[in-house]
Amino acid sequence: LAANYFSDEELREIRRGELRRQAKLKQQGKTVDKHYEVPQN
């Protein structure tokens, strides 16, 4: 249960970073494409 939660949290952190990246690009008036990463932690 604990390992499952912390693995989910790593995926959530990647998504949070992606949402921050998209928000920044939108503020700059740039096109936002969906971005994926390979989880490493």
Full PDB file with SEQRES, HELIX, SHEET, SSBOND, CRYST1, ORIGX, SCALE, CONECT and MASTER records, all heavy atoms in Angstrom:
SEQRES   1 A   41  LEU ALA ALA ASN TYR PHE SER ASP GLU GLU LEU ARG GLU          
SEQRES   2 A   41  ILE ARG ARG GLY GLU LEU ARG ARG GLN ALA LYS LEU LYS          
SEQRES   3 A   41  GLN GLN GLY LYS THR VAL ASP LYS HIS TYR GLU VAL PRO          
SEQRES   4 A   41  GLN ASN                                                      
HELIX    1 AA1 ALA A    2  GLN A   27  1                                  26    
CRYST1    1.000    1.000    1.000  90.00  90.00  90.00 P 1           1          
ORIGX1      1.000000  0.000000  0.000000        0.00000                         
ORIGX2      0.000000  1.000000  0.000000        0.00000                         
ORIGX3      0.000000  0.000000  1.000000        0.00000                         
SCALE1      1.000000  0.000000  0.000000        0.00000                         
SCALE2      0.000000  1.000000  0.000000        0.00000                         
SCALE3      0.000000  0.000000  1.000000        0.00000                         
ATOM      1  N   LEU A   1       0.824  -1.206   0.000  1.00  0.00           N  
ATOM      2  CA  LEU A   1       0.000   0.000   0.000  1.00  0.00           C  
ATOM      3  C   LEU A   1       0.861   1.261   0.000  1.00  0.00           C  
ATOM      4  O   LEU A   1       0.623   2.194  -0.773  1.00  0.00           O  
ATOM      5  CB  LEU A   1      -0.922  -0.002   1.223  1.00  0.00           C  
ATOM      6  CG  LEU A   1      -1.850   1.206   1.395  1.00  0.00           C  
ATOM      7  CD1 LEU A   1      -2.880   1.259   0.277  1.00  0.00           C  
ATOM      8  CD2 LEU A   1      -2.551   1.143   2.754  1.00  0.00           C  
ATOM      9  N   ALA A   2       1.876   1.285   0.866  1.00  0.00           N  
ATOM     10  CA  ALA A   2       2.748   2.462   0.965  1.00  0.00           C  
ATOM     11  C   ALA A   2       3.530   2.677  -0.327  1.00  0.00           C  
ATOM     12  O   ALA A   2       3.615   3.805  -0.837  1.00  0.00           O  
ATOM     13  CB  ALA A   2       3.706   2.306   2.146  1.00  0.00           C  
ATOM     14  N   ALA A   3       4.108   1.601  -0.864  1.00  0.00           N  
ATOM     15  CA  ALA A   3       4.885   1.723  -2.099  1.00  0.00           C  
ATOM     16  C   ALA A   3       3.997   2.132  -3.267  1.00  0.00           C  
ATOM     17  O   ALA A   3       4.424   2.897  -4.147  1.00  0.00           O  
ATOM     18  CB  ALA A   3       5.587   0.397  -2.404  1.00  0.00           C  
ATOM     19  N   ASN A   4       2.783   1.640  -3.259  1.00  0.00           N  
ATOM     20  CA  ASN A   4       1.828   2.015  -4.300  1.00  0.00           C  
ATOM     21  C   ASN A   4       1.526   3.509  -4.250  1.00  0.00           C  
ATOM     22  O   ASN A   4       1.520   4.199  -5.277  1.00  0.00           O  
ATOM     23  CB  ASN A   4       0.545   1.200  -4.114  1.00  0.00           C  
ATOM     24  CG  ASN A   4      -0.405   1.318  -5.279  1.00  0.00           C  
ATOM     25  OD1 ASN A   4      -1.164   2.276  -5.369  1.00  0.00           O  
ATOM     26  ND2 ASN A   4      -0.371   0.342  -6.165  1.00  0.00           N  
ATOM     27  N   TYR A   5       1.324   4.025  -3.031  1.00  0.00           N  
ATOM     28  CA  TYR A   5       1.038   5.449  -2.869  1.00  0.00           C  
ATOM     29  C   TYR A   5       2.220   6.302  -3.332  1.00  0.00           C  
ATOM     30  O   TYR A   5       2.043   7.282  -4.064  1.00  0.00           O  
ATOM     31  CB  TYR A   5       0.716   5.769  -1.408  1.00  0.00           C  
ATOM     32  CG  TYR A   5       0.598   7.254  -1.160  1.00  0.00           C  
ATOM     33  CD1 TYR A   5      -0.592   7.931  -1.431  1.00  0.00           C  
ATOM     34  CD2 TYR A   5       1.681   7.997  -0.691  1.00  0.00           C  
ATOM     35  CE1 TYR A   5      -0.699   9.299  -1.240  1.00  0.00           C  
ATOM     36  CE2 TYR A   5       1.581   9.364  -0.502  1.00  0.00           C  
ATOM     37  CZ  TYR A   5       0.392  10.009  -0.776  1.00  0.00           C  
ATOM     38  OH  TYR A   5       0.297  11.371  -0.597  1.00  0.00           O  
ATOM     39  N   PHE A   6       3.422   5.959  -2.901  1.00  0.00           N  
ATOM     40  CA  PHE A   6       4.585   6.777  -3.242  1.00  0.00           C  
ATOM     41  C   PHE A   6       4.913   6.697  -4.737  1.00  0.00           C  
ATOM     42  O   PHE A   6       5.415   7.661  -5.317  1.00  0.00           O  
ATOM     43  CB  PHE A   6       5.785   6.380  -2.389  1.00  0.00           C  
ATOM     44  CG  PHE A   6       5.684   6.889  -0.971  1.00  0.00           C  
ATOM     45  CD1 PHE A   6       5.523   6.014   0.086  1.00  0.00           C  
ATOM     46  CD2 PHE A   6       5.711   8.256  -0.707  1.00  0.00           C  
ATOM     47  CE1 PHE A   6       5.406   6.486   1.390  1.00  0.00           C  
ATOM     48  CE2 PHE A   6       5.598   8.731   0.599  1.00  0.00           C  
ATOM     49  CZ  PHE A   6       5.444   7.853   1.641  1.00  0.00           C  
ATOM     50  N   SER A   7       4.611   5.561  -5.366  1.00  0.00           N  
ATOM     51  CA  SER A   7       4.777   5.470  -6.822  1.00  0.00           C  
ATOM     52  C   SER A   7       3.767   6.370  -7.525  1.00  0.00           C  
ATOM     53  O   SER A   7       4.104   7.067  -8.493  1.00  0.00           O  
ATOM     54  CB  SER A   7       4.610   4.019  -7.287  1.00  0.00           C  
ATOM     55  OG  SER A   7       5.620   3.193  -6.742  1.00  0.00           O  
ATOM     56  N   ASP A   8       2.545   6.372  -7.026  1.00  0.00           N  
ATOM     57  CA  ASP A   8       1.535   7.284  -7.572  1.00  0.00           C  
ATOM     58  C   ASP A   8       1.972   8.736  -7.407  1.00  0.00           C  
ATOM     59  O   ASP A   8       1.775   9.568  -8.294  1.00  0.00           O  
ATOM     60  CB  ASP A   8       0.192   7.084  -6.851  1.00  0.00           C  
ATOM     61  CG  ASP A   8      -0.538   5.836  -7.284  1.00  0.00           C  
ATOM     62  OD1 ASP A   8      -0.173   5.258  -8.326  1.00  0.00           O  
ATOM     63  OD2 ASP A   8      -1.484   5.433  -6.575  1.00  0.00           O  
ATOM     64  N   GLU A   9       2.568   9.046  -6.253  1.00  0.00           N  
ATOM     65  CA  GLU A   9       2.985  10.423  -5.982  1.00  0.00           C  
ATOM     66  C   GLU A   9       4.088  10.867  -6.940  1.00  0.00           C  
ATOM     67  O   GLU A   9       4.125  12.026  -7.354  1.00  0.00           O  
ATOM     68  CB  GLU A   9       3.466  10.540  -4.530  1.00  0.00           C  
ATOM     69  CG  GLU A   9       3.823  11.944  -4.087  1.00  0.00           C  
ATOM     70  CD  GLU A   9       2.689  12.949  -4.197  1.00  0.00           C  
ATOM     71  OE1 GLU A   9       1.503  12.529  -4.172  1.00  0.00           O  
ATOM     72  OE2 GLU A   9       2.975  14.148  -4.323  1.00  0.00           O  
ATOM     73  N   GLU A  10       4.974   9.960  -7.315  1.00  0.00           N  
ATOM     74  CA  GLU A  10       6.008  10.304  -8.298  1.00  0.00           C  
ATOM     75  C   GLU A  10       5.377  10.662  -9.639  1.00  0.00           C  
ATOM     76  O   GLU A  10       5.778  11.625 -10.295  1.00  0.00           O  
ATOM     77  CB  GLU A  10       6.971   9.117  -8.457  1.00  0.00           C  
ATOM     78  CG  GLU A  10       7.960   9.249  -9.607  1.00  0.00           C  
ATOM     79  CD  GLU A  10       8.887  10.457  -9.495  1.00  0.00           C  
ATOM     80  OE1 GLU A  10       9.003  11.048  -8.396  1.00  0.00           O  
ATOM     81  OE2 GLU A  10       9.498  10.818 -10.523  1.00  0.00           O  
ATOM     82  N   LEU A  11       4.368   9.902 -10.046  1.00  0.00           N  
ATOM     83  CA  LEU A  11       3.665  10.213 -11.296  1.00  0.00           C  
ATOM     84  C   LEU A  11       2.920  11.534 -11.181  1.00  0.00           C  
ATOM     85  O   LEU A  11       2.868  12.322 -12.136  1.00  0.00           O  
ATOM     86  CB  LEU A  11       2.696   9.081 -11.644  1.00  0.00           C  
ATOM     87  CG  LEU A  11       3.329   7.731 -11.980  1.00  0.00           C  
ATOM     88  CD1 LEU A  11       2.251   6.681 -12.216  1.00  0.00           C  
ATOM     89  CD2 LEU A  11       4.217   7.839 -13.217  1.00  0.00           C  
ATOM     90  N   ARG A  12       2.350  11.796 -10.007  1.00  0.00           N  
ATOM     91  CA  ARG A  12       1.650  13.070  -9.811  1.00  0.00           C  
ATOM     92  C   ARG A  12       2.620  14.249  -9.915  1.00  0.00           C  
ATOM     93  O   ARG A  12       2.282  15.292 -10.479  1.00  0.00           O  
ATOM     94  CB  ARG A  12       0.934  13.081  -8.451  1.00  0.00           C  
ATOM     95  CG  ARG A  12      -0.387  12.356  -8.448  1.00  0.00           C  
ATOM     96  CD  ARG A  12      -1.177  12.631  -7.188  1.00  0.00           C  
ATOM     97  NE  ARG A  12      -0.630  11.956  -6.033  1.00  0.00           N  
ATOM     98  CZ  ARG A  12      -0.995  10.733  -5.632  1.00  0.00           C  
ATOM     99  NH1 ARG A  12      -1.905  10.052  -6.311  1.00  0.00           N  
ATOM    100  NH2 ARG A  12      -0.455  10.191  -4.556  1.00  0.00           N  
ATOM    101  N   GLU A  13       3.822  14.101  -9.377  1.00  0.00           N  
ATOM    102  CA  GLU A  13       4.795  15.191  -9.423  1.00  0.00           C  
ATOM    103  C   GLU A  13       5.208  15.499 -10.864  1.00  0.00           C  
ATOM    104  O   GLU A  13       5.405  16.671 -11.227  1.00  0.00           O  
ATOM    105  CB  GLU A  13       6.027  14.833  -8.584  1.00  0.00           C  
ATOM    106  CG  GLU A  13       7.031  15.971  -8.433  1.00  0.00           C  
ATOM    107  CD  GLU A  13       6.401  17.250  -7.917  1.00  0.00           C  
ATOM    108  OE1 GLU A  13       5.527  17.194  -7.027  1.00  0.00           O  
ATOM    109  OE2 GLU A  13       6.792  18.332  -8.408  1.00  0.00           O  
ATOM    110  N   ILE A  14       5.302  14.470 -11.681  1.00  0.00           N  
ATOM    111  CA  ILE A  14       5.602  14.687 -13.097  1.00  0.00           C  
ATOM    112  C   ILE A  14       4.474  15.482 -13.756  1.00  0.00           C  
ATOM    113  O   ILE A  14       4.709  16.418 -14.528  1.00  0.00           O  
ATOM    114  CB  ILE A  14       5.814  13.340 -13.819  1.00  0.00           C  
ATOM    115  CG1 ILE A  14       7.127  12.701 -13.368  1.00  0.00           C  
ATOM    116  CG2 ILE A  14       5.809  13.520 -15.343  1.00  0.00           C  
ATOM    117  CD1 ILE A  14       7.370  11.326 -13.921  1.00  0.00           C  
ATOM    118  N   ARG A  15       3.241  15.141 -13.415  1.00  0.00           N  
ATOM    119  CA  ARG A  15       2.094  15.858 -13.989  1.00  0.00           C  
ATOM    120  C   ARG A  15       2.027  17.296 -13.489  1.00  0.00           C  
ATOM    121  O   ARG A  15       1.668  18.197 -14.253  1.00  0.00           O  
ATOM    122  CB  ARG A  15       0.793  15.119 -13.653  1.00  0.00           C  
ATOM    123  CG  ARG A  15       0.672  13.780 -14.360  1.00  0.00           C  
ATOM    124  CD  ARG A  15      -0.639  13.093 -14.065  1.00  0.00           C  
ATOM    125  NE  ARG A  15      -0.695  11.773 -14.649  1.00  0.00           N  
ATOM    126  CZ  ARG A  15      -1.716  10.937 -14.526  1.00  0.00           C  
ATOM    127  NH1 ARG A  15      -2.784  11.318 -13.822  1.00  0.00           N  
ATOM    128  NH2 ARG A  15      -1.694   9.759 -15.079  1.00  0.00           N  
ATOM    129  N   ARG A  16       2.367  17.505 -12.228  1.00  0.00           N  
ATOM    130  CA  ARG A  16       2.389  18.877 -11.708  1.00  0.00           C  
ATOM    131  C   ARG A  16       3.407  19.718 -12.465  1.00  0.00           C  
ATOM    132  O   ARG A  16       3.148  20.870 -12.826  1.00  0.00           O  
ATOM    133  CB  ARG A  16       2.720  18.867 -10.209  1.00  0.00           C  
ATOM    134  CG  ARG A  16       1.642  18.256  -9.328  1.00  0.00           C  
ATOM    135  CD  ARG A  16       2.025  18.354  -7.863  1.00  0.00           C  
ATOM    136  NE  ARG A  16       1.149  17.522  -7.037  1.00  0.00           N  
ATOM    137  CZ  ARG A  16       1.552  16.451  -6.365  1.00  0.00           C  
ATOM    138  NH1 ARG A  16       2.818  16.078  -6.395  1.00  0.00           N  
ATOM    139  NH2 ARG A  16       0.693  15.743  -5.639  1.00  0.00           N  
ATOM    140  N   GLY A  17       4.581  19.124 -12.701  1.00  0.00           N  
ATOM    141  CA  GLY A  17       5.611  19.834 -13.455  1.00  0.00           C  
ATOM    142  C   GLY A  17       5.164  20.133 -14.868  1.00  0.00           C  
ATOM    143  O   GLY A  17       5.440  21.219 -15.404  1.00  0.00           O  
ATOM    144  N   GLU A  18       4.438  19.194 -15.463  1.00  0.00           N  
ATOM    145  CA  GLU A  18       3.934  19.401 -16.823  1.00  0.00           C  
ATOM    146  C   GLU A  18       2.898  20.516 -16.871  1.00  0.00           C  
ATOM    147  O   GLU A  18       2.881  21.338 -17.794  1.00  0.00           O  
ATOM    148  CB  GLU A  18       3.341  18.090 -17.347  1.00  0.00           C  
ATOM    149  CG  GLU A  18       2.581  18.191 -18.659  1.00  0.00           C  
ATOM    150  CD  GLU A  18       3.415  18.717 -19.817  1.00  0.00           C  
ATOM    151  OE1 GLU A  18       4.649  18.814 -19.690  1.00  0.00           O  
ATOM    152  OE2 GLU A  18       2.814  19.039 -20.863  1.00  0.00           O  
ATOM    153  N   LEU A  19       2.027  20.569 -15.863  1.00  0.00           N  
ATOM    154  CA  LEU A  19       1.029  21.635 -15.826  1.00  0.00           C  
ATOM    155  C   LEU A  19       1.686  23.003 -15.642  1.00  0.00           C  
ATOM    156  O   LEU A  19       1.245  23.996 -16.243  1.00  0.00           O  
ATOM    157  CB  LEU A  19       0.030  21.379 -14.685  1.00  0.00           C  
ATOM    158  CG  LEU A  19      -0.936  20.209 -14.889  1.00  0.00           C  
ATOM    159  CD1 LEU A  19      -1.798  20.006 -13.657  1.00  0.00           C  
ATOM    160  CD2 LEU A  19      -1.818  20.426 -16.110  1.00  0.00           C  
ATOM    161  N   ARG A  20       2.755  23.048 -14.842  1.00  0.00           N  
ATOM    162  CA  ARG A  20       3.484  24.311 -14.682  1.00  0.00           C  
ATOM    163  C   ARG A  20       4.142  24.722 -15.997  1.00  0.00           C  
ATOM    164  O   ARG A  20       4.139  25.905 -16.362  1.00  0.00           O  
ATOM    165  CB  ARG A  20       4.542  24.167 -13.574  1.00  0.00           C  
ATOM    166  CG  ARG A  20       3.970  24.052 -12.167  1.00  0.00           C  
ATOM    167  CD  ARG A  20       5.046  24.198 -11.110  1.00  0.00           C  
ATOM    168  NE  ARG A  20       5.994  23.093 -11.123  1.00  0.00           N  
ATOM    169  CZ  ARG A  20       5.867  21.998 -10.362  1.00  0.00           C  
ATOM    170  NH1 ARG A  20       4.824  21.864  -9.549  1.00  0.00           N  
ATOM    171  NH2 ARG A  20       6.775  21.047 -10.417  1.00  0.00           N  
ATOM    172  N   ARG A  21       4.695  23.744 -16.705  1.00  0.00           N  
ATOM    173  CA  ARG A  21       5.327  24.023 -17.998  1.00  0.00           C  
ATOM    174  C   ARG A  21       4.310  24.544 -19.005  1.00  0.00           C  
ATOM    175  O   ARG A  21       4.560  25.532 -19.722  1.00  0.00           O  
ATOM    176  CB  ARG A  21       5.993  22.756 -18.545  1.00  0.00           C  
ATOM    177  CG  ARG A  21       6.783  22.942 -19.838  1.00  0.00           C  
ATOM    178  CD  ARG A  21       7.194  21.606 -20.424  1.00  0.00           C  
ATOM    179  NE  ARG A  21       6.053  20.935 -21.023  1.00  0.00           N  
ATOM    180  CZ  ARG A  21       5.665  21.097 -22.293  1.00  0.00           C  
ATOM    181  NH1 ARG A  21       6.313  21.938 -23.090  1.00  0.00           N  
ATOM    182  NH2 ARG A  21       4.618  20.445 -22.769  1.00  0.00           N  
ATOM    183  N   GLN A  22       3.140  23.913 -19.054  1.00  0.00           N  
ATOM    184  CA  GLN A  22       2.097  24.336 -19.987  1.00  0.00           C  
ATOM    185  C   GLN A  22       1.597  25.733 -19.663  1.00  0.00           C  
ATOM    186  O   GLN A  22       1.373  26.551 -20.569  1.00  0.00           O  
ATOM    187  CB  GLN A  22       0.941  23.332 -19.955  1.00  0.00           C  
ATOM    188  CG  GLN A  22       1.283  21.977 -20.551  1.00  0.00           C  
ATOM    189  CD  GLN A  22       0.104  21.023 -20.540  1.00  0.00           C  
ATOM    190  OE1 GLN A  22      -1.012  21.398 -20.194  1.00  0.00           O  
ATOM    191  NE2 GLN A  22       0.339  19.778 -20.930  1.00  0.00           N  
ATOM    192  N   ALA A  23       1.432  26.027 -18.358  1.00  0.00           N  
ATOM    193  CA  ALA A  23       0.961  27.352 -17.955  1.00  0.00           C  
ATOM    194  C   ALA A  23       1.955  28.431 -18.368  1.00  0.00           C  
ATOM    195  O   ALA A  23       1.569  29.513 -18.828  1.00  0.00           O  
ATOM    196  CB  ALA A  23       0.730  27.388 -16.448  1.00  0.00           C  
ATOM    197  N   LYS A  24       3.231  28.131 -18.222  1.00  0.00           N  
ATOM    198  CA  LYS A  24       4.277  29.088 -18.590  1.00  0.00           C  
ATOM    199  C   LYS A  24       4.268  29.349 -20.089  1.00  0.00           C  
ATOM    200  O   LYS A  24       4.384  30.499 -20.538  1.00  0.00           O  
ATOM    201  CB  LYS A  24       5.639  28.553 -18.148  1.00  0.00           C  
ATOM    202  CG  LYS A  24       6.780  29.544 -18.336  1.00  0.00           C  
ATOM    203  CD  LYS A  24       8.072  28.986 -17.775  1.00  0.00           C  
ATOM    204  CE  LYS A  24       9.210  29.979 -17.960  1.00  0.00           C  
ATOM    205  NZ  LYS A  24      10.491  29.446 -17.412  1.00  0.00           N  
ATOM    206  N   LEU A  25       4.113  28.289 -20.876  1.00  0.00           N  
ATOM    207  CA  LEU A  25       4.085  28.445 -22.330  1.00  0.00           C  
ATOM    208  C   LEU A  25       2.862  29.245 -22.780  1.00  0.00           C  
ATOM    209  O   LEU A  25       2.943  30.070 -23.704  1.00  0.00           O  
ATOM    210  CB  LEU A  25       4.089  27.065 -23.005  1.00  0.00           C  
ATOM    211  CG  LEU A  25       5.408  26.281 -22.944  1.00  0.00           C  
ATOM    212  CD1 LEU A  25       5.227  24.884 -23.527  1.00  0.00           C  
ATOM    213  CD2 LEU A  25       6.515  27.021 -23.695  1.00  0.00           C  
ATOM    214  N   LYS A  26       1.738  29.003 -22.123  1.00  0.00           N  
ATOM    215  CA  LYS A  26       0.521  29.735 -22.473  1.00  0.00           C  
ATOM    216  C   LYS A  26       0.687  31.227 -22.190  1.00  0.00           C  
ATOM    217  O   LYS A  26       0.217  32.077 -22.955  1.00  0.00           O  
ATOM    218  CB  LYS A  26      -0.672  29.176 -21.696  1.00  0.00           C  
ATOM    219  CG  LYS A  26      -1.165  27.832 -22.211  1.00  0.00           C  
ATOM    220  CD  LYS A  26      -2.341  27.325 -21.393  1.00  0.00           C  
ATOM    221  CE  LYS A  26      -2.826  25.971 -21.910  1.00  0.00           C  
ATOM    222  NZ  LYS A  26      -3.951  25.435 -21.098  1.00  0.00           N  
ATOM    223  N   GLN A  27       1.344  31.535 -21.081  1.00  0.00           N  
ATOM    224  CA  GLN A  27       1.587  32.947 -20.740  1.00  0.00           C  
ATOM    225  C   GLN A  27       2.465  33.624 -21.786  1.00  0.00           C  
ATOM    226  O   GLN A  27       2.340  34.818 -22.047  1.00  0.00           O  
ATOM    227  CB  GLN A  27       2.265  33.053 -19.364  1.00  0.00           C  
ATOM    228  CG  GLN A  27       1.334  32.753 -18.200  1.00  0.00           C  
ATOM    229  CD  GLN A  27       2.053  32.790 -16.861  1.00  0.00           C  
ATOM    230  OE1 GLN A  27       3.278  32.911 -16.808  1.00  0.00           O  
ATOM    231  NE2 GLN A  27       1.295  32.705 -15.782  1.00  0.00           N  
ATOM    232  N   GLN A  28       3.338  32.842 -22.403  1.00  0.00           N  
ATOM    233  CA  GLN A  28       4.231  33.373 -23.434  1.00  0.00           C  
ATOM    234  C   GLN A  28       3.596  33.354 -24.818  1.00  0.00           C  
ATOM    235  O   GLN A  28       4.219  33.750 -25.793  1.00  0.00           O  
ATOM    236  CB  GLN A  28       5.539  32.563 -23.455  1.00  0.00           C  
ATOM    237  CG  GLN A  28       6.338  32.648 -22.161  1.00  0.00           C  
ATOM    238  CD  GLN A  28       7.515  31.681 -22.131  1.00  0.00           C  
ATOM    239  OE1 GLN A  28       7.700  30.881 -23.043  1.00  0.00           O  
ATOM    240  NE2 GLN A  28       8.317  31.758 -21.065  1.00  0.00           N  
ATOM    241  N   GLY A  29       2.342  32.857 -24.874  1.00  0.00           N  
ATOM    242  CA  GLY A  29       1.630  32.810 -26.141  1.00  0.00           C  
ATOM    243  C   GLY A  29       2.116  31.721 -27.071  1.00  0.00           C  
ATOM    244  O   GLY A  29       1.895  31.777 -28.288  1.00  0.00           O  
ATOM    245  N   LYS A  30       2.771  30.707 -26.524  1.00  0.00           N  
ATOM    246  CA  LYS A  30       3.308  29.616 -27.349  1.00  0.00           C  
ATOM    247  C   LYS A  30       2.333  28.442 -27.398  1.00  0.00           C  
ATOM    248  O   LYS A  30       1.475  28.279 -26.535  1.00  0.00           O  
ATOM    249  CB  LYS A  30       4.653  29.151 -26.786  1.00  0.00           C  
ATOM    250  CG  LYS A  30       5.743  30.217 -26.836  1.00  0.00           C  
ATOM    251  CD  LYS A  30       7.046  29.680 -26.262  1.00  0.00           C  
ATOM    252  CE  LYS A  30       8.134  30.737 -26.311  1.00  0.00           C  
ATOM    253  NZ  LYS A  30       9.403  30.241 -25.735  1.00  0.00           N  
ATOM    254  N   THR A  31       2.503  27.626 -28.426  1.00  0.00           N  
ATOM    255  CA  THR A  31       1.678  26.428 -28.582  1.00  0.00           C  
ATOM    256  C   THR A  31       2.061  25.393 -27.529  1.00  0.00           C  
ATOM    257  O   THR A  31       3.253  25.164 -27.272  1.00  0.00           O  
ATOM    258  CB  THR A  31       1.863  25.816 -29.990  1.00  0.00           C  
ATOM    259  OG1 THR A  31       1.545  26.809 -30.967  1.00  0.00           O  
ATOM    260  CG2 THR A  31       0.961  24.602 -30.174  1.00  0.00           C  
ATOM    261  N   VAL A  32       1.056  24.781 -26.931  1.00  0.00           N  
ATOM    262  CA  VAL A  32       1.303  23.795 -25.875  1.00  0.00           C  
ATOM    263  C   VAL A  32       1.059  22.392 -26.415  1.00  0.00           C  
ATOM    264  O   VAL A  32      -0.050  22.055 -26.831  1.00  0.00           O  
ATOM    265  CB  VAL A  32       0.385  24.046 -24.655  1.00  0.00           C  
ATOM    266  CG1 VAL A  32       0.620  22.973 -23.602  1.00  0.00           C  
ATOM    267  CG2 VAL A  32       0.650  25.428 -24.080  1.00  0.00           C  
ATOM    268  N   ASP A  33       2.110  21.587 -26.430  1.00  0.00           N  
ATOM    269  CA  ASP A  33       1.994  20.191 -26.832  1.00  0.00           C  
ATOM    270  C   ASP A  33       2.113  19.303 -25.601  1.00  0.00           C  
ATOM    271  O   ASP A  33       2.823  19.645 -24.644  1.00  0.00           O  
ATOM    272  CB  ASP A  33       3.101  19.815 -27.828  1.00  0.00           C  
ATOM    273  CG  ASP A  33       2.957  20.555 -29.149  1.00  0.00           C  
ATOM    274  OD1 ASP A  33       1.811  20.711 -29.605  1.00  0.00           O  
ATOM    275  OD2 ASP A  33       3.993  20.983 -29.687  1.00  0.00           O  
ATOM    276  N   LYS A  34       1.431  18.163 -25.648  1.00  0.00           N  
ATOM    277  CA  LYS A  34       1.487  17.249 -24.512  1.00  0.00           C  
ATOM    278  C   LYS A  34       2.895  16.669 -24.390  1.00  0.00           C  
ATOM    279  O   LYS A  34       3.518  16.301 -25.383  1.00  0.00           O  
ATOM    280  CB  LYS A  34       0.464  16.116 -24.701  1.00  0.00           C  
ATOM    281  CG  LYS A  34       0.028  15.476 -23.401  1.00  0.00           C  
ATOM    282  CD  LYS A  34      -1.210  14.615 -23.612  1.00  0.00           C  
ATOM    283  CE  LYS A  34      -1.743  14.101 -22.277  1.00  0.00           C  
ATOM    284  NZ  LYS A  34      -2.938  13.268 -22.461  1.00  0.00           N  
ATOM    285  N   HIS A  35       3.379  16.614 -23.166  1.00  0.00           N  
ATOM    286  CA  HIS A  35       4.759  16.196 -22.909  1.00  0.00           C  
ATOM    287  C   HIS A  35       4.761  15.016 -21.940  1.00  0.00           C  
ATOM    288  O   HIS A  35       4.021  14.991 -20.961  1.00  0.00           O  
ATOM    289  CB  HIS A  35       5.535  17.378 -22.311  1.00  0.00           C  
ATOM    290  CG  HIS A  35       6.921  17.022 -21.879  1.00  0.00           C  
ATOM    291  ND1 HIS A  35       7.948  16.801 -22.767  1.00  0.00           N  
ATOM    292  CD2 HIS A  35       7.458  16.845 -20.639  1.00  0.00           C  
ATOM    293  CE1 HIS A  35       9.051  16.512 -22.098  1.00  0.00           C  
ATOM    294  NE2 HIS A  35       8.772  16.531 -20.807  1.00  0.00           N  
ATOM    295  N   TYR A  36       5.611  14.033 -22.226  1.00  0.00           N  
ATOM    296  CA  TYR A  36       5.727  12.863 -21.351  1.00  0.00           C  
ATOM    297  C   TYR A  36       7.160  12.716 -20.863  1.00  0.00           C  
ATOM    298  O   TYR A  36       8.103  13.145 -21.524  1.00  0.00           O  
ATOM    299  CB  TYR A  36       5.309  11.586 -22.090  1.00  0.00           C  
ATOM    300  CG  TYR A  36       3.838  11.518 -22.428  1.00  0.00           C  
ATOM    301  CD1 TYR A  36       3.384  11.867 -23.702  1.00  0.00           C  
ATOM    302  CD2 TYR A  36       2.917  11.095 -21.493  1.00  0.00           C  
ATOM    303  CE1 TYR A  36       2.036  11.802 -24.016  1.00  0.00           C  
ATOM    304  CE2 TYR A  36       1.562  11.018 -21.795  1.00  0.00           C  
ATOM    305  CZ  TYR A  36       1.133  11.371 -23.066  1.00  0.00           C  
ATOM    306  OH  TYR A  36      -0.204  11.306 -23.374  1.00  0.00           O  
ATOM    307  N   GLU A  37       7.320  12.079 -19.698  1.00  0.00           N  
ATOM    308  CA  GLU A  37       8.641  11.792 -19.145  1.00  0.00           C  
ATOM    309  C   GLU A  37       8.689  10.347 -18.672  1.00  0.00           C  
ATOM    310  O   GLU A  37       7.661   9.748 -18.363  1.00  0.00           O  
ATOM    311  CB  GLU A  37       8.945  12.701 -17.949  1.00  0.00           C  
ATOM    312  CG  GLU A  37       9.121  14.156 -18.275  1.00  0.00           C  
ATOM    313  CD  GLU A  37       9.443  14.967 -17.021  1.00  0.00           C  
ATOM    314  OE1 GLU A  37      10.026  14.393 -16.071  1.00  0.00           O  
ATOM    315  OE2 GLU A  37       9.087  16.155 -16.994  1.00  0.00           O  
ATOM    316  N   VAL A  38       9.906   9.810 -18.588  1.00  0.00           N  
ATOM    317  CA  VAL A  38      10.104   8.495 -17.982  1.00  0.00           C  
ATOM    318  C   VAL A  38      10.364   8.724 -16.491  1.00  0.00           C  
ATOM    319  O   VAL A  38      11.343   9.376 -16.139  1.00  0.00           O  
ATOM    320  CB  VAL A  38      11.302   7.758 -18.608  1.00  0.00           C  
ATOM    321  CG1 VAL A  38      11.500   6.398 -17.923  1.00  0.00           C  
ATOM    322  CG2 VAL A  38      11.095   7.572 -20.102  1.00  0.00           C  
ATOM    323  N   PRO A  39       9.501   8.240 -15.598  1.00  0.00           N  
ATOM    324  CA  PRO A  39       9.731   8.428 -14.150  1.00  0.00           C  
ATOM    325  C   PRO A  39      11.061   7.802 -13.733  1.00  0.00           C  
ATOM    326  O   PRO A  39      11.415   6.724 -14.218  1.00  0.00           O  
ATOM    327  CB  PRO A  39       8.551   7.693 -13.505  1.00  0.00           C  
ATOM    328  CG  PRO A  39       7.524   7.587 -14.586  1.00  0.00           C  
ATOM    329  CD  PRO A  39       8.271   7.474 -15.866  1.00  0.00           C  
ATOM    330  N   GLN A  40      11.779   8.483 -12.830  1.00  0.00           N  
ATOM    331  CA  GLN A  40      13.116   8.020 -12.468  1.00  0.00           C  
ATOM    332  C   GLN A  40      13.308   7.799 -10.968  1.00  0.00           C  
ATOM    333  O   GLN A  40      14.306   7.217 -10.557  1.00  0.00           O  
ATOM    334  CB  GLN A  40      14.165   9.044 -12.947  1.00  0.00           C  
ATOM    335  CG  GLN A  40      14.196   9.268 -14.448  1.00  0.00           C  
ATOM    336  CD  GLN A  40      14.661   8.049 -15.228  1.00  0.00           C  
ATOM    337  OE1 GLN A  40      15.174   7.087 -14.675  1.00  0.00           O  
ATOM    338  NE2 GLN A  40      14.461   8.075 -16.545  1.00  0.00           N  
ATOM    339  N   ASN A  41      12.411   8.269 -10.147  1.00  0.00           N  
ATOM    340  CA  ASN A  41      12.617   8.201  -8.702  1.00  0.00           C  
ATOM    341  C   ASN A  41      11.961   6.973  -8.073  1.00  0.00           C  
ATOM    342  O   ASN A  41      11.067   6.360  -8.653  1.00  0.00           O  
ATOM    343  CB  ASN A  41      12.075   9.472  -8.034  1.00  0.00           C  
ATOM    344  CG  ASN A  41      12.831  10.706  -8.486  1.00  0.00           C  
ATOM    345  OD1 ASN A  41      14.039  10.652  -8.728  1.00  0.00           O  
ATOM    346  ND2 ASN A  41      12.131  11.821  -8.602  1.00  0.00           N  
TER     347      ASN A  41                                                      
MASTER        0    0    0    1    0    0    0    6  346    1    0    4          
END                                                                             
